[in-house]
N, C-alpha and C. Protein backbone atom coordinates (compact mmCIF):
# COMPACT_ATOMS: atom_id res chain seq x y z
N MET A 1 -15.86 -9.00 15.40
CA MET A 1 -14.55 -8.85 15.98
C MET A 1 -13.53 -9.43 15.04
N THR A 2 -12.37 -8.80 14.93
CA THR A 2 -11.31 -9.34 14.06
C THR A 2 -10.05 -9.53 14.87
N SER A 3 -9.18 -10.37 14.36
CA SER A 3 -7.91 -10.64 14.97
C SER A 3 -6.87 -10.68 13.87
N PRO A 4 -5.56 -10.69 14.23
CA PRO A 4 -4.54 -10.79 13.20
C PRO A 4 -4.70 -12.10 12.37
N ASP A 5 -5.38 -13.09 12.96
CA ASP A 5 -5.53 -14.39 12.24
C ASP A 5 -6.74 -14.38 11.36
N GLY A 6 -7.51 -13.34 11.35
CA GLY A 6 -8.71 -13.29 10.51
C GLY A 6 -9.94 -12.98 11.35
N PRO A 7 -11.09 -12.92 10.70
CA PRO A 7 -12.32 -12.61 11.42
C PRO A 7 -12.58 -13.66 12.47
N ARG A 8 -13.11 -13.24 13.59
CA ARG A 8 -13.47 -14.15 14.69
C ARG A 8 -14.98 -13.97 14.99
N THR A 9 -15.60 -15.07 15.30
CA THR A 9 -16.99 -15.07 15.68
C THR A 9 -17.13 -15.56 17.09
N GLU A 10 -17.76 -14.77 17.96
CA GLU A 10 -17.96 -15.21 19.34
C GLU A 10 -19.16 -16.14 19.41
N ILE A 11 -18.98 -17.29 20.03
CA ILE A 11 -20.05 -18.28 20.18
C ILE A 11 -20.09 -18.60 21.66
N GLY A 12 -21.01 -17.95 22.37
CA GLY A 12 -21.08 -18.14 23.82
C GLY A 12 -19.75 -17.69 24.41
N ASP A 13 -19.17 -18.58 25.25
CA ASP A 13 -17.86 -18.29 25.87
C ASP A 13 -16.72 -18.69 24.99
N ALA A 14 -16.99 -19.48 23.94
CA ALA A 14 -15.93 -19.91 23.04
C ALA A 14 -15.75 -18.96 21.88
N VAL A 15 -14.60 -18.95 21.30
CA VAL A 15 -14.34 -18.13 20.13
C VAL A 15 -13.88 -19.02 18.98
N ALA A 16 -14.58 -18.93 17.86
CA ALA A 16 -14.20 -19.71 16.68
C ALA A 16 -13.45 -18.77 15.72
N SER A 17 -12.34 -19.18 15.26
CA SER A 17 -11.51 -18.38 14.38
C SER A 17 -11.57 -18.96 12.95
N ARG A 18 -11.81 -18.12 12.02
CA ARG A 18 -11.80 -18.55 10.64
C ARG A 18 -10.55 -17.99 9.96
N PRO A 19 -9.84 -18.81 9.18
CA PRO A 19 -8.63 -18.32 8.54
C PRO A 19 -9.00 -17.21 7.54
N ARG A 20 -8.11 -16.27 7.43
CA ARG A 20 -8.28 -15.18 6.42
C ARG A 20 -8.17 -15.78 5.05
N PRO A 21 -9.12 -15.44 4.14
CA PRO A 21 -9.03 -16.00 2.80
C PRO A 21 -7.78 -15.47 2.10
N ALA A 22 -7.27 -16.32 1.20
CA ALA A 22 -6.08 -15.93 0.43
C ALA A 22 -6.39 -14.73 -0.41
N ARG A 23 -5.45 -13.80 -0.46
CA ARG A 23 -5.64 -12.57 -1.26
C ARG A 23 -4.64 -12.58 -2.41
N SER A 24 -5.09 -11.94 -3.47
CA SER A 24 -4.13 -11.67 -4.59
C SER A 24 -3.56 -10.28 -4.34
N VAL A 25 -2.21 -10.21 -4.45
CA VAL A 25 -1.53 -8.97 -4.08
C VAL A 25 -0.52 -8.60 -5.16
N LEU A 26 -0.55 -7.34 -5.57
CA LEU A 26 0.43 -6.81 -6.49
C LEU A 26 1.20 -5.72 -5.72
N VAL A 27 2.54 -5.80 -5.74
CA VAL A 27 3.38 -4.79 -5.10
C VAL A 27 4.12 -4.04 -6.19
N VAL A 28 3.88 -2.73 -6.24
CA VAL A 28 4.54 -1.88 -7.27
C VAL A 28 5.58 -1.07 -6.51
N VAL A 29 6.84 -1.30 -6.83
CA VAL A 29 7.96 -0.60 -6.17
C VAL A 29 8.57 0.43 -7.09
N ASN A 30 8.58 1.66 -6.64
CA ASN A 30 9.27 2.75 -7.38
C ASN A 30 10.74 2.62 -7.04
N PRO A 31 11.57 2.29 -8.03
CA PRO A 31 12.99 2.05 -7.75
C PRO A 31 13.76 3.32 -7.38
N THR A 32 13.21 4.50 -7.57
CA THR A 32 13.92 5.73 -7.23
C THR A 32 13.37 6.36 -5.97
N ALA A 33 12.38 5.81 -5.37
CA ALA A 33 11.77 6.38 -4.12
C ALA A 33 12.75 6.44 -2.98
N GLY A 34 12.84 7.60 -2.32
CA GLY A 34 13.59 7.74 -1.11
C GLY A 34 15.13 7.67 -1.30
N LYS A 35 15.55 7.75 -2.50
CA LYS A 35 17.03 7.67 -2.77
C LYS A 35 17.61 9.06 -2.54
N THR A 36 17.66 9.47 -1.28
CA THR A 36 18.19 10.75 -0.88
C THR A 36 19.22 10.58 0.25
N ALA A 37 19.83 11.64 0.61
CA ALA A 37 20.76 11.58 1.74
C ALA A 37 20.04 11.22 3.06
N PHE A 38 18.73 11.48 3.12
CA PHE A 38 17.96 11.18 4.31
C PHE A 38 17.76 9.66 4.50
N HIS A 39 17.73 8.93 3.43
CA HIS A 39 17.47 7.48 3.48
C HIS A 39 18.50 6.70 2.64
N PRO A 40 19.73 6.71 3.00
CA PRO A 40 20.78 6.10 2.15
C PRO A 40 20.70 4.56 2.16
N HIS A 41 19.95 3.99 3.07
CA HIS A 41 19.93 2.48 3.15
C HIS A 41 18.58 1.90 2.83
N ARG A 42 17.78 2.57 1.97
CA ARG A 42 16.51 2.01 1.58
C ARG A 42 16.77 0.74 0.82
N PRO A 43 15.98 -0.34 1.08
CA PRO A 43 16.19 -1.59 0.35
C PRO A 43 15.72 -1.46 -1.07
N GLY A 44 16.39 -2.18 -1.96
CA GLY A 44 15.93 -2.25 -3.35
C GLY A 44 14.88 -3.32 -3.48
N ALA A 45 14.58 -3.71 -4.72
CA ALA A 45 13.54 -4.68 -4.99
C ALA A 45 13.82 -6.02 -4.30
N GLU A 46 15.11 -6.44 -4.30
CA GLU A 46 15.45 -7.71 -3.62
C GLU A 46 15.21 -7.67 -2.15
N GLY A 47 15.52 -6.53 -1.51
CA GLY A 47 15.27 -6.37 -0.07
C GLY A 47 13.80 -6.36 0.25
N ILE A 48 13.00 -5.68 -0.58
CA ILE A 48 11.52 -5.69 -0.41
C ILE A 48 11.00 -7.09 -0.57
N ALA A 49 11.49 -7.81 -1.59
CA ALA A 49 11.03 -9.20 -1.79
C ALA A 49 11.37 -10.08 -0.60
N ALA A 50 12.54 -9.87 0.00
CA ALA A 50 12.92 -10.66 1.15
C ALA A 50 11.98 -10.37 2.34
N LEU A 51 11.65 -9.10 2.55
CA LEU A 51 10.67 -8.76 3.63
C LEU A 51 9.31 -9.40 3.37
N LEU A 52 8.87 -9.34 2.14
CA LEU A 52 7.52 -9.92 1.82
C LEU A 52 7.57 -11.43 1.92
N ASP A 53 8.67 -12.06 1.48
CA ASP A 53 8.81 -13.51 1.59
C ASP A 53 8.73 -13.94 3.09
N ALA A 54 9.46 -13.22 3.93
CA ALA A 54 9.50 -13.52 5.35
C ALA A 54 8.13 -13.40 5.99
N SER A 55 7.27 -12.56 5.42
CA SER A 55 5.94 -12.36 6.00
C SER A 55 4.96 -13.48 5.66
N GLY A 56 5.32 -14.27 4.65
CA GLY A 56 4.41 -15.33 4.18
C GLY A 56 3.35 -14.83 3.23
N LEU A 57 3.38 -13.54 2.86
CA LEU A 57 2.42 -12.98 1.94
C LEU A 57 2.69 -13.44 0.54
N ALA A 58 1.65 -13.97 -0.14
CA ALA A 58 1.80 -14.34 -1.57
C ALA A 58 1.58 -13.06 -2.37
N TYR A 59 2.51 -12.76 -3.28
CA TYR A 59 2.47 -11.48 -3.96
C TYR A 59 3.13 -11.60 -5.31
N GLU A 60 2.84 -10.60 -6.17
CA GLU A 60 3.56 -10.41 -7.42
C GLU A 60 4.26 -9.06 -7.27
N LEU A 61 5.55 -8.98 -7.58
CA LEU A 61 6.33 -7.77 -7.43
C LEU A 61 6.64 -7.19 -8.81
N VAL A 62 6.34 -5.91 -8.99
CA VAL A 62 6.62 -5.18 -10.21
C VAL A 62 7.49 -4.00 -9.90
N VAL A 63 8.55 -3.82 -10.68
CA VAL A 63 9.42 -2.65 -10.57
C VAL A 63 9.40 -1.96 -11.94
N PRO A 64 8.41 -1.10 -12.15
CA PRO A 64 8.26 -0.46 -13.44
C PRO A 64 9.36 0.54 -13.78
N ALA A 65 9.65 0.69 -15.04
CA ALA A 65 10.69 1.61 -15.50
C ALA A 65 10.15 3.02 -15.78
N SER A 66 8.79 3.17 -15.72
CA SER A 66 8.25 4.46 -16.03
C SER A 66 6.87 4.59 -15.34
N VAL A 67 6.38 5.85 -15.31
CA VAL A 67 5.02 6.09 -14.78
C VAL A 67 4.00 5.34 -15.62
N GLU A 68 4.17 5.32 -16.93
CA GLU A 68 3.26 4.62 -17.84
C GLU A 68 3.21 3.15 -17.53
N GLU A 69 4.36 2.53 -17.23
CA GLU A 69 4.39 1.11 -16.89
C GLU A 69 3.69 0.87 -15.55
N SER A 70 3.88 1.78 -14.60
CA SER A 70 3.19 1.66 -13.32
C SER A 70 1.67 1.69 -13.51
N VAL A 71 1.22 2.69 -14.24
CA VAL A 71 -0.24 2.80 -14.49
C VAL A 71 -0.77 1.57 -15.16
N ALA A 72 -0.07 1.08 -16.17
CA ALA A 72 -0.53 -0.11 -16.91
C ALA A 72 -0.56 -1.32 -16.00
N ALA A 73 0.46 -1.50 -15.15
CA ALA A 73 0.48 -2.69 -14.25
C ALA A 73 -0.70 -2.62 -13.26
N VAL A 74 -0.93 -1.47 -12.72
CA VAL A 74 -2.03 -1.32 -11.72
C VAL A 74 -3.37 -1.50 -12.41
N ARG A 75 -3.57 -0.88 -13.54
CA ARG A 75 -4.85 -1.05 -14.24
C ARG A 75 -5.12 -2.49 -14.63
N ALA A 76 -4.11 -3.20 -15.08
CA ALA A 76 -4.25 -4.62 -15.45
C ALA A 76 -4.60 -5.47 -14.22
N ALA A 77 -3.98 -5.14 -13.10
CA ALA A 77 -4.25 -5.87 -11.85
C ALA A 77 -5.66 -5.64 -11.38
N VAL A 78 -6.14 -4.39 -11.43
CA VAL A 78 -7.50 -4.07 -11.05
C VAL A 78 -8.47 -4.84 -11.99
N ALA A 79 -8.19 -4.84 -13.29
CA ALA A 79 -9.07 -5.51 -14.24
C ALA A 79 -9.16 -7.00 -13.98
N ARG A 80 -8.06 -7.61 -13.49
CA ARG A 80 -8.17 -9.04 -13.22
C ARG A 80 -8.61 -9.37 -11.78
N GLY A 81 -8.95 -8.34 -11.04
CA GLY A 81 -9.58 -8.56 -9.72
C GLY A 81 -8.62 -8.72 -8.56
N VAL A 82 -7.42 -8.19 -8.68
CA VAL A 82 -6.47 -8.25 -7.55
C VAL A 82 -7.08 -7.60 -6.35
N ASP A 83 -6.95 -8.22 -5.16
CA ASP A 83 -7.53 -7.70 -3.97
C ASP A 83 -6.80 -6.52 -3.32
N LEU A 84 -5.46 -6.52 -3.41
CA LEU A 84 -4.65 -5.52 -2.75
C LEU A 84 -3.49 -5.10 -3.66
N ILE A 85 -3.35 -3.80 -3.85
CA ILE A 85 -2.21 -3.30 -4.61
C ILE A 85 -1.44 -2.43 -3.65
N VAL A 86 -0.17 -2.74 -3.52
CA VAL A 86 0.73 -2.05 -2.57
C VAL A 86 1.61 -1.08 -3.34
N ALA A 87 1.58 0.19 -2.91
CA ALA A 87 2.43 1.22 -3.45
C ALA A 87 3.72 1.25 -2.63
N GLY A 88 4.77 0.79 -3.21
CA GLY A 88 6.10 0.83 -2.55
C GLY A 88 6.86 2.03 -3.07
N GLY A 89 6.78 3.13 -2.30
CA GLY A 89 7.43 4.33 -2.74
C GLY A 89 7.02 5.48 -1.88
N GLY A 90 7.10 6.67 -2.41
CA GLY A 90 6.74 7.87 -1.69
C GLY A 90 5.32 8.32 -1.98
N ASP A 91 5.02 9.57 -1.61
CA ASP A 91 3.72 10.12 -1.78
C ASP A 91 3.28 10.13 -3.26
N GLY A 92 4.22 10.34 -4.15
CA GLY A 92 3.92 10.36 -5.58
C GLY A 92 3.47 8.99 -6.05
N THR A 93 4.17 7.96 -5.61
CA THR A 93 3.81 6.56 -5.95
C THR A 93 2.46 6.20 -5.37
N VAL A 94 2.24 6.58 -4.14
CA VAL A 94 0.94 6.33 -3.49
C VAL A 94 -0.19 6.98 -4.26
N ALA A 95 0.02 8.25 -4.63
CA ALA A 95 -1.06 8.97 -5.40
C ALA A 95 -1.25 8.31 -6.75
N LEU A 96 -0.19 7.93 -7.42
CA LEU A 96 -0.33 7.28 -8.74
C LEU A 96 -1.15 6.01 -8.63
N VAL A 97 -0.84 5.14 -7.66
CA VAL A 97 -1.55 3.89 -7.50
C VAL A 97 -2.97 4.13 -7.06
N ALA A 98 -3.15 4.99 -6.09
CA ALA A 98 -4.50 5.27 -5.54
C ALA A 98 -5.42 5.81 -6.63
N ASN A 99 -4.96 6.65 -7.51
CA ASN A 99 -5.78 7.17 -8.58
C ASN A 99 -6.28 6.10 -9.49
N GLN A 100 -5.52 5.01 -9.67
CA GLN A 100 -5.99 3.92 -10.51
C GLN A 100 -6.99 3.00 -9.82
N LEU A 101 -7.07 3.09 -8.51
CA LEU A 101 -7.95 2.25 -7.72
C LEU A 101 -9.32 2.88 -7.51
N LEU A 102 -9.45 4.18 -7.75
CA LEU A 102 -10.73 4.83 -7.51
C LEU A 102 -11.85 4.15 -8.29
N GLY A 103 -12.95 3.90 -7.57
CA GLY A 103 -14.08 3.23 -8.19
C GLY A 103 -13.99 1.72 -8.26
N SER A 104 -12.91 1.16 -7.74
CA SER A 104 -12.77 -0.32 -7.75
C SER A 104 -12.92 -0.85 -6.34
N ASP A 105 -12.92 -2.16 -6.23
CA ASP A 105 -12.99 -2.80 -4.91
C ASP A 105 -11.58 -3.21 -4.45
N THR A 106 -10.56 -2.79 -5.17
CA THR A 106 -9.19 -3.14 -4.83
C THR A 106 -8.68 -2.23 -3.69
N ALA A 107 -8.08 -2.83 -2.71
CA ALA A 107 -7.56 -2.08 -1.56
C ALA A 107 -6.14 -1.56 -1.88
N LEU A 108 -5.80 -0.45 -1.21
CA LEU A 108 -4.48 0.16 -1.34
C LEU A 108 -3.67 -0.19 -0.12
N GLY A 109 -2.46 -0.66 -0.30
CA GLY A 109 -1.48 -0.84 0.76
C GLY A 109 -0.30 0.06 0.50
N ILE A 110 0.46 0.40 1.58
CA ILE A 110 1.57 1.32 1.40
C ILE A 110 2.81 0.75 2.09
N LEU A 111 3.90 0.67 1.36
CA LEU A 111 5.20 0.42 1.92
C LEU A 111 5.95 1.76 1.86
N PRO A 112 6.21 2.37 2.98
CA PRO A 112 6.78 3.73 3.03
C PRO A 112 8.25 3.74 2.64
N LEU A 113 8.51 4.04 1.37
CA LEU A 113 9.89 4.04 0.87
C LEU A 113 10.35 5.41 0.46
N GLY A 114 9.48 6.42 0.54
CA GLY A 114 9.79 7.77 0.10
C GLY A 114 10.55 8.56 1.14
N SER A 115 10.77 9.83 0.82
CA SER A 115 11.52 10.72 1.71
C SER A 115 10.65 11.29 2.82
N ALA A 116 9.49 11.85 2.48
CA ALA A 116 8.64 12.49 3.47
C ALA A 116 7.55 11.57 3.98
N MET A 117 6.92 10.85 3.11
CA MET A 117 5.85 9.91 3.42
C MET A 117 4.70 10.55 4.24
N ASN A 118 4.22 11.65 3.70
CA ASN A 118 3.14 12.38 4.39
C ASN A 118 1.88 11.53 4.47
N VAL A 119 1.48 10.87 3.41
CA VAL A 119 0.26 10.07 3.39
C VAL A 119 0.38 8.90 4.40
N ALA A 120 1.49 8.18 4.35
CA ALA A 120 1.67 7.08 5.29
C ALA A 120 1.63 7.57 6.74
N ARG A 121 2.25 8.65 7.04
CA ARG A 121 2.27 9.19 8.41
C ARG A 121 0.85 9.58 8.80
N ALA A 122 0.10 10.23 7.92
CA ALA A 122 -1.27 10.63 8.20
C ALA A 122 -2.19 9.44 8.45
N LEU A 123 -1.89 8.30 7.84
CA LEU A 123 -2.68 7.08 7.98
C LEU A 123 -2.18 6.19 9.11
N GLY A 124 -1.10 6.57 9.78
CA GLY A 124 -0.57 5.77 10.89
C GLY A 124 0.21 4.59 10.47
N ILE A 125 0.74 4.58 9.24
CA ILE A 125 1.58 3.46 8.76
C ILE A 125 2.96 3.71 9.28
N PRO A 126 3.54 2.75 9.97
CA PRO A 126 4.88 2.97 10.56
C PRO A 126 5.96 3.07 9.50
N PRO A 127 7.01 3.89 9.77
CA PRO A 127 8.10 3.97 8.81
C PRO A 127 8.98 2.71 8.77
N ASP A 128 8.95 1.91 9.84
CA ASP A 128 9.68 0.65 9.88
C ASP A 128 9.06 -0.31 8.89
N LEU A 129 9.83 -0.77 7.94
CA LEU A 129 9.30 -1.63 6.86
C LEU A 129 8.80 -2.94 7.36
N ASP A 130 9.42 -3.57 8.39
CA ASP A 130 8.91 -4.81 8.92
C ASP A 130 7.52 -4.63 9.48
N ALA A 131 7.32 -3.52 10.21
CA ALA A 131 6.01 -3.22 10.80
C ALA A 131 4.98 -2.91 9.68
N ALA A 132 5.40 -2.20 8.64
CA ALA A 132 4.51 -1.90 7.55
C ALA A 132 4.10 -3.17 6.81
N VAL A 133 5.00 -4.08 6.62
CA VAL A 133 4.68 -5.36 5.96
C VAL A 133 3.70 -6.14 6.83
N ARG A 134 3.88 -6.11 8.14
CA ARG A 134 2.96 -6.83 9.06
C ARG A 134 1.54 -6.27 8.87
N LEU A 135 1.43 -4.93 8.72
CA LEU A 135 0.13 -4.32 8.45
C LEU A 135 -0.52 -4.86 7.18
N LEU A 136 0.31 -5.06 6.13
CA LEU A 136 -0.21 -5.58 4.88
C LEU A 136 -0.80 -6.94 5.09
N VAL A 137 -0.19 -7.75 5.94
CA VAL A 137 -0.64 -9.14 6.19
C VAL A 137 -1.83 -9.13 7.14
N GLU A 138 -1.77 -8.36 8.20
CA GLU A 138 -2.71 -8.50 9.33
C GLU A 138 -3.88 -7.49 9.36
N ALA A 139 -3.69 -6.31 8.82
CA ALA A 139 -4.69 -5.27 8.99
C ALA A 139 -5.92 -5.48 8.09
N THR A 140 -7.06 -4.97 8.56
CA THR A 140 -8.26 -4.99 7.79
C THR A 140 -8.34 -3.66 7.03
N PRO A 141 -8.60 -3.70 5.74
CA PRO A 141 -8.67 -2.46 4.96
C PRO A 141 -9.72 -1.50 5.53
N GLN A 142 -9.38 -0.23 5.52
CA GLN A 142 -10.24 0.84 6.04
C GLN A 142 -10.50 1.85 4.94
N PRO A 143 -11.70 2.39 4.82
CA PRO A 143 -11.92 3.43 3.83
C PRO A 143 -11.19 4.70 4.19
N ILE A 144 -10.78 5.48 3.22
CA ILE A 144 -10.15 6.77 3.41
C ILE A 144 -10.83 7.77 2.50
N ASP A 145 -10.81 9.01 2.88
CA ASP A 145 -11.41 10.07 2.10
C ASP A 145 -10.50 10.45 0.95
N VAL A 146 -11.09 10.80 -0.15
CA VAL A 146 -10.36 11.27 -1.34
C VAL A 146 -11.03 12.57 -1.73
N GLY A 147 -10.20 13.59 -1.92
CA GLY A 147 -10.69 14.89 -2.38
C GLY A 147 -10.49 15.05 -3.87
N LYS A 148 -11.16 16.04 -4.40
CA LYS A 148 -11.01 16.34 -5.85
C LYS A 148 -11.14 17.80 -6.06
N VAL A 149 -10.13 18.39 -6.67
CA VAL A 149 -10.14 19.81 -7.00
C VAL A 149 -9.72 20.01 -8.47
N ASN A 150 -10.53 20.67 -9.21
CA ASN A 150 -10.25 20.92 -10.64
C ASN A 150 -9.87 19.63 -11.38
N GLY A 151 -10.62 18.56 -11.07
CA GLY A 151 -10.40 17.30 -11.75
C GLY A 151 -9.24 16.47 -11.25
N VAL A 152 -8.51 16.93 -10.22
CA VAL A 152 -7.37 16.21 -9.70
C VAL A 152 -7.72 15.64 -8.32
N HIS A 153 -7.53 14.33 -8.16
CA HIS A 153 -7.81 13.69 -6.88
C HIS A 153 -6.60 13.80 -5.97
N PHE A 154 -6.85 13.87 -4.66
CA PHE A 154 -5.78 13.92 -3.69
C PHE A 154 -6.23 13.19 -2.47
N LEU A 155 -5.23 12.64 -1.71
CA LEU A 155 -5.50 11.86 -0.51
C LEU A 155 -5.29 12.62 0.77
N GLU A 156 -4.28 13.44 0.85
CA GLU A 156 -3.93 14.03 2.13
C GLU A 156 -4.15 15.50 2.24
N SER A 157 -3.75 16.26 1.26
CA SER A 157 -3.88 17.70 1.38
C SER A 157 -3.93 18.33 0.01
N ALA A 158 -4.44 19.55 0.02
CA ALA A 158 -4.40 20.39 -1.17
C ALA A 158 -3.77 21.71 -0.74
N GLN A 159 -3.10 22.37 -1.62
CA GLN A 159 -2.42 23.62 -1.27
C GLN A 159 -2.88 24.72 -2.19
N ILE A 160 -2.95 25.91 -1.64
CA ILE A 160 -3.24 27.09 -2.39
C ILE A 160 -2.11 28.08 -2.14
N GLY A 161 -1.49 28.57 -3.17
CA GLY A 161 -0.40 29.50 -3.00
C GLY A 161 0.88 28.77 -2.75
N VAL A 162 1.76 29.34 -1.98
CA VAL A 162 3.08 28.80 -1.66
C VAL A 162 3.04 28.07 -0.33
N PRO A 163 3.37 26.77 -0.28
CA PRO A 163 3.39 26.08 1.02
C PRO A 163 4.49 26.60 1.89
N ALA A 164 4.23 26.62 3.20
CA ALA A 164 5.23 27.11 4.16
C ALA A 164 6.38 26.18 4.30
C-alpha cells in the first residue's frame, strides 16, 4: 500500500509509515513550449522554479538553448543516476526526454507546458501546473508502453497518411 507520504506497511491494526527516500531530480524546461495565443500566461523558468520550490522538491533546473543541449543534459543526468527527469514542455519535449530514458531506470515526469499536451492528457496528468507538480512529488512511477516504427520510438500514437 502506498500513500502520498511514501510506502506504508500494515502491521495488524496499526500502520507504519516510512518516509519516501530522497530523489535526485532534473527538470528540463523548453523555453518556447506553449508560447501561443492559446497559452499567453505560461510561466517562464522563474515561475516553474517557484512552483517547484513551493512543493519542497529538491531539483536541478535546466533551460537548454537547443535540442542538442537538452539531449546532453538528459544523457548526463541518466549517466550519473538521476532518479527522475521532468520534461517541462510539450509533446516534443516529452518525446525528446523519453527517448533518452529508454533502457534506463530513470523515471519520466511531465510538466504540461505545451499547446496540445496529448501525452500528458493520455496519461492523466492535469493541465494545472500546481496539480502536476504535486504528482511529481507524491505519485509512484508507473510503466508506460513505448512503440517503435521504422526505428522511431513513440509514446502516444503513430500516424499513417494525413491526420484528420
